[in-house]
Amino acid sequence: MSASPPPFCRDCLAQQADAGVRRCGACGSPRLVEHPERDALTIAHIDCDAFYAAVEKRDDPSLRDKPLIIGGGKRGVVSTCCYIARTFGVRSAMPMFKALALCPHAVVRKPNMAHYVDVGRQVRAMMLDLTPLVEPISIDEAFLDLTGTQRLHQAPPAFTLARFAQKIEKEIGITVSVGLSYCKFLAKIASDLDKPRGFTVIGRAEAKSFLADKPVGLIWGVGAVAQERLGKDGVRTIGDIQAMTETDFMRKLGGEGQRLWRLANGLDERKVSPDRETKSVSSETTFDTDVSDPATLMRVLLTLSEKVSARLKAQGIGGETVTLKLKTSDFKSRTRARALPEPTQLTGRIFEAARALLHKEADGTRFRLIGVGLSSLHDEERADLGDLADVEVKREKATESAIDALRDKFGSGAIVRGLLFDPKRSK
């Protein structure tokens, strides 16, 4: 293996004179980037750290050193939380009552999706200054391909990304974590290894050994049921897959086996695709404890419908088919769909269609996951037009526009829909 290029400092961006130093000679920071393949790697995954919470803390500095939870009322669920709250055991999708039991002194804020989308757009615009090859995954994360950008930025991709992370912190006031590798699979894994403010590099030479002792659940698409099934065959780590031939693993799992085997061996030929067509817009949450109570399920469904509505409005699109997704306590999936008379981006219409679908399923069954999405997407010009038989649409659009405007001006808690209102919180 060739010697590593001299490290550079992520805090002051100073190039170090020699390899192997532990602290920056200019500012004393230990946050140095050094790797033998560093300057040859071009595929990155950038993920904003605790994004919703970070935006709220930026906007309200008094929250800086406090545990912050973004989510619904005591009967709702945690959308996300800051890293301080995570030290108390709070996690995304956890029931709010449990989160507050673990961290009773936490500050709770309701999500302001429209505002988060605006900040996400600012981050995306700065990503596009680095390369046109940006593939968004959500409002707070994306893949980037920086191949061929060294001449433009007068620096290798790794240095360009470190400079980008520093710029985001200074100009937008939030932090990001960066994963850099030769393929999307490993770049995504790398970005999650050293959060927050992380910068992790995984090269070709170390890929297989790095993956070998990791659980098979680290691979995209291998959930709890698949892990259990593979475990019965003695496949518990990625190294167990690596020990088999591609043909043998395909005999076990068919075409899916080929995908898993290739990823387990660090083989991922997917390109960063900025033109990836959005086929659906959705939001889902996994409960920390299975839920059967219809009222609780309905409240969560409304929150998810609001998130989907905000994303549709931010992207300037509407959807014509509402899909309800449920997963039971024994990991069996249920998917139910309903076509609407016309495309919509309104919370109320998304929720009403999804609620009708949920009403038929909420029969005492315990669910571990619930989600809602819209597909059959169209430009917003075709959404919520109404006709002689649908005279209420103008009023609904005006009401939601007013709600969005008030939330933008006074915060997400300015308007709370009746189903989400908890009278105890008003006292």
Protein backbone atom coordinates (compact mmCIF):
# COMPACT_ATOMS: atom_id res chain seq x y z
CA MET A 1 0.00 0.00 0.00
CA SER A 2 1.33 3.44 -0.89
CA ALA A 3 2.11 5.94 1.83
CA SER A 4 -0.67 8.30 2.90
CA PRO A 5 -0.57 11.84 1.58
CA PRO A 6 0.15 14.31 4.40
CA PRO A 7 -2.95 14.92 6.53
CA PHE A 8 -4.91 18.14 6.59
CA CYS A 9 -6.85 19.69 9.45
CA ARG A 10 -10.64 19.79 9.27
CA ASP A 11 -10.83 22.78 11.59
CA CYS A 12 -8.34 25.23 10.04
CA LEU A 13 -7.75 23.31 6.76
CA ALA A 14 -3.98 23.57 7.23
CA GLN A 15 -1.91 20.99 5.35
CA GLN A 16 0.47 19.16 7.68
CA ALA A 17 4.14 18.83 6.89
CA ASP A 18 4.41 15.13 7.70
CA ALA A 19 2.22 12.02 7.76
CA GLY A 20 1.42 10.37 11.07
CA VAL A 21 1.07 13.51 13.19
CA ARG A 22 -1.72 13.43 15.77
CA ARG A 23 -2.53 17.11 16.03
CA CYS A 24 -2.59 20.04 13.67
CA GLY A 25 0.63 22.01 13.79
CA ALA A 26 -1.27 25.24 13.17
CA CYS A 27 -4.27 25.08 15.54
CA GLY A 28 -3.67 21.97 17.67
CA SER A 29 -6.86 20.20 16.58
CA PRO A 30 -6.84 16.39 16.55
CA ARG A 31 -9.38 16.34 13.69
CA LEU A 32 -7.00 15.38 10.89
CA VAL A 33 -7.90 13.60 7.65
CA GLU A 34 -5.33 11.00 6.64
CA HIS A 35 -5.79 7.90 4.48
CA PRO A 36 -3.65 6.19 1.81
CA GLU A 37 -6.46 6.41 -0.80
CA ARG A 38 -7.88 9.73 0.37
CA ASP A 39 -7.11 11.85 -2.69
CA ALA A 40 -8.27 9.19 -5.18
CA LEU A 41 -11.79 8.75 -3.75
CA THR A 42 -14.67 10.74 -5.25
CA ILE A 43 -18.03 9.35 -4.02
CA ALA A 44 -19.41 11.08 -0.93
CA HIS A 45 -22.45 10.89 1.28
CA ILE A 46 -23.29 14.04 3.23
CA ASP A 47 -25.74 13.85 6.13
CA CYS A 48 -26.86 16.78 8.27
CA ASP A 49 -26.43 16.02 11.98
CA ALA A 50 -29.73 15.73 13.93
CA PHE A 51 -31.09 18.09 11.29
CA TYR A 52 -34.44 19.22 12.72
CA ALA A 53 -32.98 19.70 16.19
CA ALA A 54 -29.91 21.48 14.79
CA VAL A 55 -32.10 24.01 12.96
CA GLU A 56 -34.15 24.67 16.10
CA LYS A 57 -30.99 25.19 18.17
CA ARG A 58 -29.56 27.52 15.56
CA ASP A 59 -32.72 29.61 15.60
CA ASP A 60 -32.94 29.66 19.40
CA PRO A 61 -29.45 29.81 21.00
CA SER A 62 -30.97 29.32 24.48
CA LEU A 63 -31.46 25.66 23.49
CA ARG A 64 -27.79 25.09 22.71
CA ASP A 65 -26.84 23.14 25.84
CA LYS A 66 -30.26 21.64 26.52
CA PRO A 67 -31.64 18.22 25.51
CA LEU A 68 -34.07 18.88 22.66
CA ILE A 69 -36.74 16.56 21.29
CA ILE A 70 -38.61 17.23 18.06
CA GLY A 71 -41.96 15.47 18.07
CA GLY A 72 -45.62 15.43 19.02
CA GLY A 73 -47.31 15.74 22.38
CA LYS A 74 -46.99 13.23 25.19
CA ARG A 75 -48.98 10.73 23.15
CA GLY A 76 -46.99 11.30 19.97
CA VAL A 77 -43.62 10.02 18.83
CA VAL A 78 -40.09 11.43 18.57
CA SER A 79 -39.28 12.70 15.07
CA THR A 80 -35.65 13.29 16.02
CA CYS A 81 -33.63 14.58 18.95
CA CYS A 82 -30.33 16.31 19.56
CA TYR A 83 -27.21 14.44 20.63
CA ILE A 84 -27.56 15.60 24.23
CA ALA A 85 -30.98 13.92 24.44
CA ARG A 86 -29.51 10.79 22.88
CA THR A 87 -27.12 10.41 25.81
CA PHE A 88 -30.23 9.79 27.94
CA GLY A 89 -31.40 7.02 25.61
CA VAL A 90 -33.90 9.03 23.56
CA ARG A 91 -34.20 7.81 19.98
CA SER A 92 -36.19 8.63 16.83
CA ALA A 93 -39.63 6.95 16.59
CA MET A 94 -39.73 6.39 20.36
CA PRO A 95 -43.09 7.15 22.01
CA MET A 96 -42.98 10.61 23.52
CA PHE A 97 -44.04 9.43 26.97
CA LYS A 98 -41.06 7.08 27.09
CA ALA A 99 -38.67 9.75 25.81
CA LEU A 100 -39.83 12.16 28.52
CA ALA A 101 -39.51 9.44 31.15
CA LEU A 102 -35.87 8.98 30.12
CA CYS A 103 -35.21 12.71 29.86
CA PRO A 104 -37.91 14.62 31.79
CA HIS A 105 -36.06 17.94 31.57
CA ALA A 106 -35.94 17.88 27.75
CA VAL A 107 -37.35 20.75 25.73
CA VAL A 108 -39.97 19.54 23.23
CA ARG A 109 -40.67 21.30 19.95
CA LYS A 110 -43.16 20.27 17.31
CA PRO A 111 -41.61 19.79 13.85
CA ASN A 112 -41.74 22.73 11.45
CA MET A 113 -41.32 20.87 8.18
CA ALA A 114 -41.70 23.85 5.86
CA HIS A 115 -38.86 25.65 7.64
CA TYR A 116 -36.64 22.55 7.61
CA VAL A 117 -37.23 22.15 3.88
CA ASP A 118 -36.09 25.75 3.32
CA VAL A 119 -32.84 25.12 5.21
CA GLY A 120 -32.39 21.84 3.36
CA ARG A 121 -32.64 23.73 0.08
CA GLN A 122 -29.84 26.06 1.20
CA VAL A 123 -27.63 23.06 1.93
CA ARG A 124 -28.54 21.49 -1.42
CA ALA A 125 -27.63 24.68 -3.28
CA MET A 126 -24.20 24.65 -1.66
CA MET A 127 -23.75 20.99 -2.63
CA LEU A 128 -24.47 21.93 -6.24
CA ASP A 129 -21.66 24.48 -6.05
CA LEU A 130 -19.31 21.50 -5.60
CA THR A 131 -20.64 19.28 -8.39
CA PRO A 132 -23.73 18.93 -10.58
CA LEU A 133 -23.81 15.24 -9.65
CA VAL A 134 -25.90 15.51 -6.48
CA GLU A 135 -28.45 12.77 -5.74
CA PRO A 136 -30.80 13.82 -2.91
CA ILE A 137 -31.95 11.07 -0.56
CA SER A 138 -34.05 13.29 1.72
CA ILE A 139 -34.14 16.95 2.71
CA ASP A 140 -31.01 16.53 4.85
CA GLU A 141 -28.79 14.03 3.02
CA ALA A 142 -27.43 13.35 -0.46
CA PHE A 143 -24.82 11.49 -2.47
CA LEU A 144 -22.23 13.50 -4.42
CA ASP A 145 -19.85 12.45 -7.18
CA LEU A 146 -16.83 14.76 -7.28
CA THR A 147 -15.03 12.98 -10.11
CA GLY A 148 -13.20 15.52 -12.27
CA THR A 149 -13.71 18.47 -9.90
CA GLN A 150 -10.12 18.79 -8.67
CA ARG A 151 -9.15 21.37 -11.28
CA LEU A 152 -12.28 23.42 -10.63
CA HIS A 153 -11.78 23.55 -6.85
CA GLN A 154 -7.98 23.48 -6.91
CA ALA A 155 -8.08 20.64 -4.39
CA PRO A 156 -8.80 16.89 -4.19
CA PRO A 157 -12.40 15.90 -3.31
CA ALA A 158 -11.56 15.15 0.33
CA PHE A 159 -10.25 18.68 0.94
CA THR A 160 -13.17 20.20 -1.01
CA LEU A 161 -15.63 18.29 1.22
CA ALA A 162 -13.90 19.40 4.42
CA ARG A 163 -14.03 23.00 3.22
CA PHE A 164 -17.71 22.51 2.39
CA ALA A 165 -18.49 21.15 5.89
CA GLN A 166 -16.75 24.15 7.42
CA LYS A 167 -18.71 26.54 5.18
CA ILE A 168 -22.04 24.93 6.11
CA GLU A 169 -21.20 25.36 9.78
CA LYS A 170 -20.24 29.02 9.39
CA GLU A 171 -22.89 30.20 6.92
CA ILE A 172 -25.94 28.06 7.75
CA GLY A 173 -25.21 27.32 11.39
CA ILE A 174 -25.65 23.54 11.41
CA THR A 175 -23.18 20.68 11.08
CA VAL A 176 -22.81 17.80 8.66
CA SER A 177 -21.03 14.45 8.63
CA VAL A 178 -19.18 13.27 5.54
CA GLY A 179 -18.50 9.76 4.28
CA LEU A 180 -15.98 9.42 1.43
CA SER A 181 -15.37 6.22 -0.52
CA TYR A 182 -15.31 4.70 -4.00
CA CYS A 183 -18.99 3.64 -4.01
CA LYS A 184 -22.34 4.74 -2.61
CA PHE A 185 -22.78 1.79 -0.24
CA LEU A 186 -19.58 2.47 1.68
CA ALA A 187 -19.91 6.26 1.53
CA LYS A 188 -23.30 5.99 3.24
CA ILE A 189 -21.89 3.71 5.93
CA ALA A 190 -18.89 5.99 6.43
CA SER A 191 -20.98 9.12 7.04
CA ASP A 192 -22.66 7.47 10.02
CA LEU A 193 -19.51 6.25 11.80
CA ASP A 194 -18.32 9.40 13.55
CA LYS A 195 -21.36 11.63 14.06
CA PRO A 196 -21.69 14.50 14.72
CA ARG A 197 -19.22 16.53 12.61
CA GLY A 198 -17.74 13.32 11.28
CA PHE A 199 -15.45 12.74 8.32
CA THR A 200 -14.71 9.09 7.60
CA VAL A 201 -12.84 7.60 4.65
CA ILE A 202 -13.19 3.96 3.52
CA GLY A 203 -10.93 2.86 0.67
CA ARG A 204 -10.94 -0.12 -1.67
CA ALA A 205 -8.05 -1.92 0.02
CA GLU A 206 -9.76 -2.12 3.40
CA ALA A 207 -13.38 -2.53 2.29
CA LYS A 208 -13.77 -6.28 2.76
CA SER A 209 -11.90 -6.41 6.07
CA PHE A 210 -13.83 -3.39 7.34
CA LEU A 211 -17.16 -5.05 6.53
CA ALA A 212 -16.28 -8.59 7.65
CA ASP A 213 -17.22 -8.38 11.34
CA LYS A 214 -20.26 -6.15 10.84
CA PRO A 215 -23.78 -7.63 11.22
CA VAL A 216 -25.65 -8.42 8.02
CA GLY A 217 -28.23 -5.81 9.05
CA LEU A 218 -25.74 -3.12 8.01
CA ILE A 219 -26.56 -3.92 4.38
CA TRP A 220 -29.43 -1.95 2.85
CA GLY A 221 -32.65 -3.92 2.78
CA VAL A 222 -31.68 -6.49 5.40
CA GLY A 223 -34.24 -5.93 8.14
CA ALA A 224 -35.04 -7.92 11.26
CA VAL A 225 -36.94 -10.66 9.42
CA ALA A 226 -34.17 -11.13 6.85
CA GLN A 227 -31.55 -11.19 9.60
CA GLU A 228 -33.48 -13.90 11.41
CA ARG A 229 -33.83 -15.95 8.24
CA LEU A 230 -30.14 -15.61 7.39
CA GLY A 231 -29.19 -16.37 10.99
CA LYS A 232 -30.92 -19.75 10.76
CA ASP A 233 -28.55 -20.54 7.90
CA GLY A 234 -25.54 -19.49 9.96
CA VAL A 235 -25.18 -16.11 8.22
CA ARG A 236 -24.90 -13.47 10.91
CA THR A 237 -22.02 -11.27 9.84
CA ILE A 238 -21.07 -9.81 6.50
CA GLY A 239 -17.95 -11.97 6.70
CA ASP A 240 -20.20 -15.05 6.64
CA ILE A 241 -21.48 -13.88 3.25
CA GLN A 242 -17.95 -13.13 2.05
CA ALA A 243 -16.95 -16.70 2.88
CA MET A 244 -19.45 -18.01 0.29
CA THR A 245 -19.23 -17.82 -3.47
CA GLU A 246 -21.62 -15.57 -5.34
CA THR A 247 -23.21 -18.60 -6.99
CA ASP A 248 -23.78 -20.42 -3.69
CA PHE A 249 -25.38 -17.37 -2.09
CA MET A 250 -27.62 -16.86 -5.12
CA ARG A 251 -28.81 -20.45 -4.72
CA LYS A 252 -29.99 -19.50 -1.24
CA LEU A 253 -31.69 -16.19 -2.04
CA GLY A 254 -31.96 -15.86 -5.80
CA GLY A 255 -31.46 -12.45 -7.37
CA GLU A 256 -31.53 -10.72 -3.99
CA GLY A 257 -28.66 -12.98 -2.95
CA GLN A 258 -26.52 -11.58 -5.75
CA ARG A 259 -27.15 -8.00 -4.58
CA LEU A 260 -26.29 -8.83 -0.98
CA TRP A 261 -23.18 -10.80 -1.94
CA ARG A 262 -21.84 -7.99 -4.06
CA LEU A 263 -22.41 -5.35 -1.39
CA ALA A 264 -20.87 -7.64 1.24
CA ASN A 265 -17.74 -7.74 -0.92
CA GLY A 266 -17.66 -3.99 -1.41
CA LEU A 267 -18.98 -4.13 -4.98
CA ASP A 268 -21.46 -1.38 -5.79
CA GLU A 269 -21.62 -0.02 -9.33
CA ARG A 270 -24.60 2.31 -8.85
CA LYS A 271 -23.96 5.80 -10.17
CA VAL A 272 -24.80 9.04 -8.42
CA SER A 273 -27.89 10.09 -10.35
CA PRO A 274 -29.07 13.72 -10.09
CA ASP A 275 -31.94 12.95 -12.45
CA ARG A 276 -33.42 10.17 -10.36
CA GLU A 277 -37.16 10.50 -10.82
CA THR A 278 -39.24 10.89 -7.70
CA LYS A 279 -41.90 8.20 -7.87
CA SER A 280 -43.44 8.77 -4.46
CA VAL A 281 -43.25 11.00 -1.41
CA SER A 282 -43.72 9.30 1.94
CA SER A 283 -43.05 9.38 5.66
CA GLU A 284 -43.09 6.55 8.16
CA THR A 285 -42.12 5.81 11.73
CA THR A 286 -41.25 2.66 13.67
CA PHE A 287 -42.63 2.49 17.20
CA ASP A 288 -40.33 1.59 20.07
CA THR A 289 -43.22 -0.41 21.52
CA ASP A 290 -45.93 -2.00 19.34
CA VAL A 291 -49.13 0.05 19.17
CA SER A 292 -52.71 -1.18 18.79
CA ASP A 293 -54.68 1.82 20.09
CA PRO A 294 -56.60 3.34 17.13
CA ALA A 295 -56.51 6.87 18.56
CA THR A 296 -52.72 6.78 18.93
CA LEU A 297 -52.33 5.39 15.42
CA MET A 298 -54.56 8.16 14.04
CA ARG A 299 -52.52 10.89 15.76
CA VAL A 300 -49.29 9.52 14.37
CA LEU A 301 -50.89 9.20 10.95
CA LEU A 302 -51.87 12.89 11.02
CA THR A 303 -48.31 13.91 11.89
CA LEU A 304 -46.98 11.80 9.03
CA SER A 305 -49.56 13.30 6.67
CA GLU A 306 -48.36 16.79 7.61
CA LYS A 307 -44.78 15.79 6.81
CA VAL A 308 -45.77 14.37 3.42
CA SER A 309 -47.78 17.49 2.65
CA ALA A 310 -44.80 19.74 3.49
CA ARG A 311 -42.51 17.70 1.25
CA LEU A 312 -44.98 17.80 -1.63
CA LYS A 313 -45.33 21.57 -1.33
CA ALA A 314 -41.56 22.03 -1.11
CA GLN A 315 -41.07 20.01 -4.30
CA GLY A 316 -43.95 21.68 -6.14
CA ILE A 317 -45.83 18.44 -6.80
CA GLY A 318 -49.05 16.67 -5.85
CA GLY A 319 -50.00 13.01 -5.66
CA GLU A 320 -53.03 11.11 -6.85
CA THR A 321 -52.72 7.81 -4.94
CA VAL A 322 -52.54 7.61 -1.14
CA THR A 323 -50.84 4.52 0.27
CA LEU A 324 -51.00 3.36 3.89
CA LYS A 325 -48.14 1.15 5.05
CA LEU A 326 -48.32 -0.94 8.20
CA LYS A 327 -46.05 -3.56 9.71
CA THR A 328 -47.42 -5.88 12.39
CA SER A 329 -45.62 -7.00 15.52
CA ASP A 330 -44.60 -10.22 13.74
CA PHE A 331 -43.03 -8.16 10.89
CA LYS A 332 -45.75 -8.86 8.33
CA SER A 333 -46.39 -5.93 6.01
CA ARG A 334 -49.77 -4.54 5.00
CA THR A 335 -50.09 -2.03 2.17
CA ARG A 336 -53.39 -0.40 1.33
CA ALA A 337 -53.98 2.25 -1.35
CA ARG A 338 -56.74 4.60 -2.45
CA ALA A 339 -56.92 6.69 -5.63
CA LEU A 340 -58.08 10.30 -5.21
CA PRO A 341 -60.35 12.15 -7.65
CA GLU A 342 -57.46 14.53 -8.41
CA PRO A 343 -53.84 15.07 -7.28
CA THR A 344 -53.43 16.75 -3.90
CA GLN A 345 -50.77 18.19 -1.65
CA LEU A 346 -53.11 19.10 1.21
CA THR A 347 -52.63 17.55 4.66
CA GLY A 348 -56.37 17.20 5.21
CA ARG A 349 -57.00 15.25 2.03
CA ILE A 350 -54.00 12.99 2.50
CA PHE A 351 -55.05 12.25 6.06
CA GLU A 352 -58.72 11.64 5.30
CA ALA A 353 -57.86 9.04 2.65
CA ALA A 354 -55.25 7.38 4.86
CA ARG A 355 -57.56 7.46 7.90
CA ALA A 356 -60.25 5.60 5.97
CA LEU A 357 -57.71 2.93 5.08
CA LEU A 358 -56.41 2.72 8.64
CA HIS A 359 -59.93 2.46 10.09
CA LYS A 360 -60.32 -0.94 8.42
CA GLU A 361 -56.99 -2.19 9.77
CA ALA A 362 -57.07 -0.83 13.34
CA ASP A 363 -58.91 -3.83 14.76
CA GLY A 364 -56.72 -4.48 17.79
CA THR A 365 -53.74 -5.68 15.76
CA ARG A 366 -50.44 -4.52 17.23
CA PHE A 367 -48.33 -2.53 14.79
CA ARG A 368 -44.62 -1.76 14.95
CA LEU A 369 -44.57 0.62 11.94
CA ILE A 370 -46.94 2.99 10.21
CA GLY A 371 -46.36 5.11 7.14
CA VAL A 372 -48.21 7.12 4.52
CA GLY A 373 -47.18 8.12 1.02
CA LEU A 374 -48.40 9.64 -2.22
CA SER A 375 -47.62 8.34 -5.69
CA SER A 376 -48.85 9.05 -9.24
CA LEU A 377 -47.17 12.43 -8.95
CA HIS A 378 -47.96 15.54 -11.01
CA ASP A 379 -46.89 19.19 -11.09
CA GLU A 380 -48.66 21.25 -8.44
CA GLU A 381 -50.55 23.15 -11.15
CA ARG A 382 -52.72 20.03 -11.51
CA ALA A 383 -53.27 19.57 -7.78
CA ASP A 384 -56.33 20.60 -5.77
CA LEU A 385 -58.17 22.34 -8.60
CA GLY A 386 -61.64 21.25 -7.53
CA ASP A 387 -64.75 21.34 -9.71
CA LEU A 388 -68.47 21.86 -9.41
CA ALA A 389 -68.72 18.76 -7.23
CA ASP A 390 -65.79 19.76 -5.02
CA VAL A 391 -66.40 23.33 -3.95
CA GLU A 392 -64.53 22.96 -0.63
CA VAL A 393 -61.04 22.74 -2.12
CA LYS A 394 -60.47 26.52 -2.31
CA ARG A 395 -61.36 26.90 1.35
CA GLU A 396 -59.09 24.02 2.33
CA LYS A 397 -56.18 25.46 0.33
CA ALA A 398 -56.67 28.87 1.89
CA THR A 399 -56.82 27.37 5.39
CA GLU A 400 -53.63 25.35 4.91
CA SER A 401 -51.83 28.34 3.36
CA ALA A 402 -52.75 30.38 6.43
CA ILE A 403 -51.54 27.62 8.76
CA ASP A 404 -48.24 27.33 6.87
CA ALA A 405 -47.73 31.10 6.99
CA LEU A 406 -48.37 31.26 10.74
CA ARG A 407 -45.99 28.38 11.41
CA ASP A 408 -43.31 30.02 9.28
CA LYS A 409 -43.67 33.25 11.25
CA PHE A 410 -44.28 32.03 14.79
CA GLY A 411 -42.94 28.47 14.82
CA SER A 412 -44.39 25.02 14.32
CA GLY A 413 -46.34 25.14 17.59
CA ALA A 414 -48.35 28.21 16.57
CA ILE A 415 -51.09 26.03 15.09
CA VAL A 416 -51.88 22.53 16.35
CA ARG A 417 -54.55 20.48 14.62
CA GLY A 418 -57.35 19.30 16.87
CA LEU A 419 -56.49 15.60 16.69
CA LEU A 420 -52.97 16.37 17.95
CA PHE A 421 -54.04 18.76 20.68
CA ASP A 422 -53.37 17.61 24.20
CA PRO A 423 -55.27 19.83 26.68
CA LYS A 424 -52.79 18.98 29.44
CA ARG A 425 -50.05 20.81 27.50
CA SER A 426 -52.07 24.05 27.50
CA LYS A 427 -52.18 24.26 31.27
